[in-house]
Amino acid sequence: MKIYLTGSSGSGKTTYAKKLAELTGVSLYSTDDFYNEKDKRMFTLDEIMAVVPIDSDWVIEGAYYIPEYIKAADKVIYIRIGPIKTAWRIVKRWMQNNDLRKKFTLSETLKLVYTTVRDMYISDDVDLNSPEQRHYKERDRYLLCKNNAKVLEVL
C-alpha cells in the first residue's frame, strides 16, 4: 500500500497520516524529513529512494511535491480546508507548541499564515507534467496531483 497525503500547512496532514499508518501498519514518512537543513535543500530523488524504496509500502505526508512518489502511489489524498480554519490552526499550533515558539516568532508565524492562504488562490502556471520535486504553491500542488495521481481523493 502506497499512500501520499498532501495539503496546506494546518490542514491536518500529519494527524491523518499518523492515524492511517497506525491502522494499516505501514511506515510513515514526512516530506519534511527529506529536507537537508544544513544545506538548505530538498533531498535528491536518489537520497529519498535510499530512505523510502519506491516499491515498498509507505505513507508519505507533507507539503513537498515528489512526482515519482505521487505517480507510484496507489492513492493520493489531498486535504483541503478553508482559509480561516487554516489560519487558526497554524496560529493555534504555534501557541501550543513551546518548541515552535522558540524556533519561530509570532511575526514569522503570521507570515506563514499569509503565504499559506495566499498560495491557495494564486498559481505560478507550472507545467503539470513537471518532473521537478519541490514546494509548490498550494494551488499548483493540487493541480499537479490532480494531473499525475492514479487516484486522487480530496478531503
Protein backbone atom coordinates (compact mmCIF):
# COMPACT_ATOMS: atom_id res chain seq x y z
CA MET A 1 0.00 0.00 0.00
CA LYS A 2 1.38 3.37 -1.06
CA ILE A 3 -0.44 6.49 0.11
CA TYR A 4 0.68 10.09 -0.32
CA LEU A 5 -1.09 12.77 1.76
CA THR A 6 -0.67 16.43 0.99
CA GLY A 7 -2.34 19.77 1.65
CA SER A 8 -1.56 23.16 3.12
CA SER A 9 0.06 23.89 6.45
CA GLY A 10 -2.52 23.31 9.16
CA SER A 11 -4.74 21.06 7.04
CA GLY A 12 -4.30 18.01 9.28
CA LYS A 13 -1.94 16.01 7.05
CA THR A 14 0.29 14.80 9.86
CA THR A 15 -2.57 13.86 12.19
CA TYR A 16 -4.42 11.99 9.45
CA ALA A 17 -1.25 10.25 8.22
CA LYS A 18 -0.30 9.08 11.73
CA LYS A 19 -3.74 7.52 12.19
CA LEU A 20 -3.62 5.92 8.76
CA ALA A 21 -0.13 4.47 9.31
CA GLU A 22 -1.16 3.15 12.73
CA LEU A 23 -4.31 1.48 11.34
CA THR A 24 -2.53 -0.10 8.37
CA GLY A 25 0.83 -0.88 9.99
CA VAL A 26 2.60 0.85 7.10
CA SER A 27 5.68 3.01 7.76
CA LEU A 28 5.08 6.76 7.86
CA TYR A 29 7.44 9.33 6.34
CA SER A 30 7.21 13.11 6.28
CA THR A 31 8.47 15.16 3.36
CA ASP A 32 9.98 17.48 5.99
CA ASP A 33 12.43 14.64 6.69
CA PHE A 34 13.61 14.90 3.09
CA TYR A 35 14.96 18.41 3.61
CA ASN A 36 18.63 18.96 4.37
CA GLU A 37 18.53 21.85 6.85
CA LYS A 38 22.30 22.29 6.82
CA ASP A 39 22.49 22.72 3.04
CA LYS A 40 19.02 24.34 2.76
CA ARG A 41 17.89 21.96 0.04
CA MET A 42 15.47 19.14 -0.52
CA PHE A 43 16.95 15.65 -0.85
CA THR A 44 17.59 14.41 -4.35
CA LEU A 45 15.37 11.63 -5.63
CA ASP A 46 18.18 9.12 -5.06
CA GLU A 47 18.53 10.26 -1.44
CA ILE A 48 14.77 9.90 -0.90
CA MET A 49 14.74 6.45 -2.51
CA ALA A 50 17.54 5.37 -0.17
CA VAL A 51 15.24 6.18 2.77
CA VAL A 52 11.91 5.08 1.22
CA PRO A 53 12.20 2.48 -1.54
CA ILE A 54 9.54 3.47 -4.05
CA ASP A 55 8.38 -0.15 -4.49
CA SER A 56 7.85 -0.68 -0.73
CA ASP A 57 4.69 0.07 1.24
CA TRP A 58 4.60 3.60 2.65
CA VAL A 59 2.54 6.52 3.81
CA ILE A 60 4.17 9.83 2.92
CA GLU A 61 2.76 13.11 4.17
CA GLY A 62 3.81 16.66 3.58
CA ALA A 63 3.67 19.80 1.52
CA TYR A 64 6.55 18.93 -0.81
CA TYR A 65 5.64 17.55 -4.20
CA ILE A 66 7.67 14.49 -5.20
CA PRO A 67 6.42 13.46 -8.66
CA GLU A 68 7.79 9.91 -8.70
CA TYR A 69 6.04 9.08 -5.42
CA ILE A 70 2.81 10.81 -6.46
CA LYS A 71 2.78 8.67 -9.62
CA ALA A 72 3.69 5.48 -7.71
CA ALA A 73 1.06 5.98 -5.00
CA ASP A 74 -1.99 3.74 -5.00
CA LYS A 75 -3.86 6.77 -3.71
CA VAL A 76 -3.06 10.45 -3.22
CA ILE A 77 -5.13 12.13 -0.53
CA TYR A 78 -5.32 15.88 -0.82
CA ILE A 79 -6.62 17.60 2.30
CA ARG A 80 -8.26 20.96 1.63
CA ILE A 81 -9.60 23.23 4.33
CA GLY A 82 -10.74 26.83 4.17
CA PRO A 83 -8.55 29.86 4.76
CA ILE A 84 -9.97 30.79 8.17
CA LYS A 85 -9.52 27.27 9.55
CA THR A 86 -6.02 27.17 8.05
CA ALA A 87 -5.04 30.45 9.71
CA TRP A 88 -6.48 29.40 13.04
CA ARG A 89 -4.75 26.00 13.05
CA ILE A 90 -1.33 27.47 12.20
CA VAL A 91 -1.56 30.10 14.96
CA LYS A 92 -3.01 27.60 17.45
CA ARG A 93 -0.20 25.12 16.75
CA TRP A 94 2.38 27.86 17.33
CA MET A 95 0.70 28.95 20.58
CA GLN A 96 0.50 25.39 21.95
CA ASN A 97 3.99 24.23 20.96
CA ASN A 98 6.91 25.56 23.03
CA ASP A 99 9.47 24.28 20.50
CA LEU A 100 7.77 26.17 17.68
CA ARG A 101 7.61 29.35 19.76
CA LYS A 102 11.36 29.06 20.41
CA LYS A 103 12.11 28.45 16.73
CA PHE A 104 9.70 30.96 15.13
CA THR A 105 8.48 34.39 16.20
CA LEU A 106 4.83 35.36 16.10
CA SER A 107 5.68 37.60 13.14
CA GLU A 108 7.18 34.64 11.24
CA THR A 109 4.12 32.53 12.06
CA LEU A 110 1.77 35.23 10.79
CA LYS A 111 3.85 35.44 7.60
CA LEU A 112 3.34 31.68 7.17
CA VAL A 113 -0.41 32.20 7.61
CA TYR A 114 -0.39 34.91 4.96
CA THR A 115 1.64 32.95 2.39
CA THR A 116 -0.29 29.73 3.01
CA VAL A 117 -3.67 31.39 2.48
CA ARG A 118 -2.41 33.48 -0.47
CA ASP A 119 -0.99 30.38 -2.17
CA MET A 120 -4.41 28.70 -2.07
CA TYR A 121 -5.59 31.18 -4.70
CA ILE A 122 -2.62 32.02 -6.90
CA SER A 123 -0.63 29.95 -9.33
CA ASP A 124 2.75 30.09 -10.98
CA ASP A 125 1.17 28.37 -14.01
CA VAL A 126 3.55 25.44 -13.70
CA ASP A 127 3.90 22.72 -16.30
CA LEU A 128 1.56 20.00 -15.00
CA ASN A 129 4.00 17.36 -16.19
CA SER A 130 6.92 18.96 -14.37
CA PRO A 131 9.40 16.39 -13.05
CA GLU A 132 10.72 18.90 -10.50
CA GLN A 133 10.30 17.95 -6.87
CA ARG A 134 9.90 20.97 -4.64
CA HIS A 135 7.48 23.00 -2.59
CA TYR A 136 4.92 24.45 -4.98
CA LYS A 137 2.22 26.97 -4.24
CA GLU A 138 -0.86 25.27 -2.82
CA ARG A 139 -2.97 25.71 -5.95
CA ASP A 140 -0.19 24.40 -8.19
CA ARG A 141 0.44 21.37 -5.97
CA TYR A 142 -3.25 20.48 -6.12
CA LEU A 143 -3.24 20.74 -9.93
CA LEU A 144 -0.01 18.71 -10.19
CA CYS A 145 -1.53 15.97 -8.01
CA LYS A 146 -4.78 16.04 -9.95
CA ASN A 147 -2.86 15.67 -13.21
CA ASN A 148 -0.38 12.98 -12.09
CA ALA A 149 -2.01 10.78 -9.43
CA LYS A 150 -3.57 7.44 -10.37
CA VAL A 151 -6.29 8.04 -7.77
CA LEU A 152 -6.85 11.43 -6.14
CA GLU A 153 -9.16 11.70 -3.17
CA VAL A 154 -9.91 15.20 -1.91
CA LEU A 155 -10.98 15.58 1.72
